[in-house]
Amino acid sequence: MPYPVDSFLQGRGAQWRGKAGIDPNRRELVMAERMIDAYLSDAHLADLAGQCPMIELSSDVARASDEVRESYQKLLSAMIWLFEVNAGAAGPDSRQKAMAISALCVGGTILARTLPESELASDVRRAAHAMAREFCSPGGAAQAA
């Protein structure tokens, strides 16, 4: 079962990043902040037709071929890279912070989308957003880790 994960970064993903004002090559904290804000936004949650494959396909990919899973890994690696080079967390913990931010963005959106519209769904997404922004800030959450 082929998935368009590889083409997502240059197609729909590039359009989405452009609309959100995200230029990963600018290497500025504001790019990581915009990514977090857009990924965990009401608009992204509601955009079922244009959702990120990491949200839409996670369960399917877990049962897919190695080729599909490797393609999915490329997409996650691109997200981690965006946070690693743009977040205010330069240093030995920058990759770990970038992975945590990515997990909060994807996981927070998946949980909010799969729950019925409720206070819990909103709270999960808000908590994921707050913690992702905290990890993103210079001297953020990893200082406490």
Protein backbone atom coordinates (compact mmCIF):
# COMPACT_ATOMS: atom_id res chain seq x y z
CA MET A 1 0.00 0.00 0.00
CA PRO A 2 1.93 3.10 -1.21
CA TYR A 3 1.76 6.31 0.81
CA PRO A 4 2.75 9.73 -0.54
CA VAL A 5 4.99 10.49 2.46
CA ASP A 6 8.12 11.31 0.44
CA SER A 7 6.30 13.77 -1.81
CA PHE A 8 4.51 15.40 1.13
CA LEU A 9 7.52 17.54 2.09
CA GLN A 10 7.70 19.17 -1.36
CA GLY A 11 3.94 19.22 -2.04
CA ARG A 12 1.25 19.67 0.56
CA GLY A 13 3.79 20.01 3.38
CA ALA A 14 5.59 22.86 1.61
CA GLN A 15 2.26 24.62 1.00
CA TRP A 16 1.29 24.19 4.65
CA ARG A 17 4.66 25.52 5.88
CA GLY A 18 4.42 28.49 3.51
CA LYS A 19 0.94 29.36 4.73
CA ALA A 20 2.19 29.15 8.35
CA GLY A 21 5.20 31.36 7.56
CA ILE A 22 7.70 28.58 8.22
CA ASP A 23 11.01 28.65 6.35
CA PRO A 24 13.13 25.91 7.96
CA ASN A 25 16.26 27.26 6.30
CA ARG A 26 16.10 30.60 8.12
CA ARG A 27 17.40 28.92 11.28
CA GLU A 28 15.63 31.18 13.72
CA LEU A 29 13.73 30.41 16.90
CA VAL A 30 10.60 31.96 15.42
CA MET A 31 10.49 29.22 12.73
CA ALA A 32 10.30 26.48 15.39
CA GLU A 33 7.71 28.48 17.32
CA ARG A 34 5.59 28.92 14.18
CA MET A 35 5.81 25.20 13.48
CA ILE A 36 4.60 24.35 16.99
CA ASP A 37 1.83 26.96 16.84
CA ALA A 38 0.62 25.83 13.41
CA TYR A 39 0.91 22.09 14.06
CA LEU A 40 -1.08 22.28 17.29
CA SER A 41 -3.58 24.86 16.00
CA ASP A 42 -7.36 24.59 15.70
CA ALA A 43 -7.01 24.94 11.92
CA HIS A 44 -4.58 22.03 11.62
CA LEU A 45 -6.75 19.88 13.86
CA ALA A 46 -9.78 20.56 11.67
CA ASP A 47 -7.96 20.09 8.33
CA LEU A 48 -8.81 16.44 7.73
CA ALA A 49 -8.17 16.63 3.98
CA GLY A 50 -4.72 18.19 4.28
CA GLN A 51 -3.40 16.59 7.42
CA CYS A 52 0.18 15.52 7.93
CA PRO A 53 0.80 11.82 7.15
CA MET A 54 2.28 11.40 10.64
CA ILE A 55 -1.17 12.15 12.02
CA GLU A 56 -3.25 10.49 9.35
CA LEU A 57 -1.28 7.30 8.81
CA SER A 58 0.45 6.34 12.06
CA SER A 59 -1.55 3.18 12.73
CA ASP A 60 -1.40 2.09 9.09
CA VAL A 61 2.34 2.70 8.82
CA ALA A 62 3.01 0.65 11.94
CA ARG A 63 1.64 -2.38 10.04
CA ALA A 64 3.16 -1.49 6.65
CA SER A 65 6.25 -2.65 4.79
CA ASP A 66 9.76 -1.57 5.71
CA GLU A 67 9.81 0.70 2.65
CA VAL A 68 6.73 2.58 3.83
CA ARG A 69 8.06 2.79 7.39
CA GLU A 70 11.39 4.16 6.12
CA SER A 71 9.52 6.82 4.15
CA TYR A 72 7.58 7.76 7.28
CA GLN A 73 10.86 7.92 9.20
CA LYS A 74 12.18 10.44 6.65
CA LEU A 75 9.20 12.67 7.36
CA LEU A 76 9.74 12.48 11.13
CA SER A 77 13.47 13.10 10.64
CA ALA A 78 12.68 16.24 8.67
CA MET A 79 10.46 17.50 11.50
CA ILE A 80 13.14 16.71 14.08
CA TRP A 81 15.74 18.52 11.94
CA LEU A 82 13.50 21.60 11.68
CA PHE A 83 13.28 21.81 15.47
CA GLU A 84 16.92 20.91 16.03
CA VAL A 85 18.26 23.73 13.84
CA ASN A 86 15.62 26.34 14.63
CA ALA A 87 14.75 25.87 18.29
CA GLY A 88 16.55 27.93 20.90
CA ALA A 89 18.08 24.81 22.37
CA ALA A 90 21.51 24.68 20.78
CA GLY A 91 23.88 22.37 22.55
CA PRO A 92 24.24 18.72 23.46
CA ASP A 93 20.53 18.35 24.29
CA SER A 94 19.25 19.97 21.08
CA ARG A 95 18.43 16.69 19.28
CA GLN A 96 16.71 15.25 22.34
CA LYS A 97 14.64 18.43 22.70
CA ALA A 98 13.79 18.35 18.99
CA MET A 99 12.56 14.76 19.28
CA ALA A 100 10.46 15.64 22.34
CA ILE A 101 8.93 18.64 20.56
CA SER A 102 8.11 16.47 17.54
CA ALA A 103 6.52 13.81 19.75
CA LEU A 104 4.44 16.45 21.54
CA CYS A 105 3.25 17.96 18.25
CA VAL A 106 2.32 14.68 16.58
CA GLY A 107 1.06 12.89 19.69
CA GLY A 108 -0.89 15.89 20.97
CA THR A 109 -2.64 16.30 17.63
CA ILE A 110 -3.38 12.58 17.24
CA LEU A 111 -4.91 12.38 20.72
CA ALA A 112 -6.93 15.57 20.27
CA ARG A 113 -8.22 14.35 16.92
CA THR A 114 -9.18 10.87 18.09
CA LEU A 115 -11.05 12.00 21.19
CA PRO A 116 -14.58 13.32 20.89
CA GLU A 117 -14.81 17.12 20.97
CA SER A 118 -14.39 17.66 24.66
CA GLU A 119 -12.57 19.59 27.32
CA LEU A 120 -10.06 16.73 27.59
CA ALA A 121 -9.26 16.89 23.85
CA SER A 122 -8.67 20.65 24.09
CA ASP A 123 -6.65 20.30 27.28
CA VAL A 124 -4.39 17.62 25.76
CA ARG A 125 -3.61 19.82 22.77
CA ARG A 126 -3.04 22.92 24.92
CA ALA A 127 -0.73 20.98 27.25
CA ALA A 128 1.24 19.58 24.31
CA HIS A 129 1.53 23.10 22.88
CA ALA A 130 2.70 24.61 26.18
CA MET A 131 5.33 21.91 26.76
CA ALA A 132 6.57 22.01 23.16
CA ARG A 133 7.01 25.79 23.41
CA GLU A 134 8.79 25.33 26.76
CA PHE A 135 11.21 22.80 25.24
CA CYS A 136 11.74 25.20 22.36
CA SER A 137 12.69 28.17 24.52
CA PRO A 138 16.35 28.78 25.35
CA GLY A 139 17.05 27.12 28.69
CA GLY A 140 13.63 25.48 28.54
CA ALA A 141 12.28 22.21 29.90
CA ALA A 142 15.43 20.16 29.36
CA GLN A 143 17.13 22.13 32.13
CA ALA A 144 14.78 20.40 34.55
CA ALA A 145 15.35 16.96 32.97
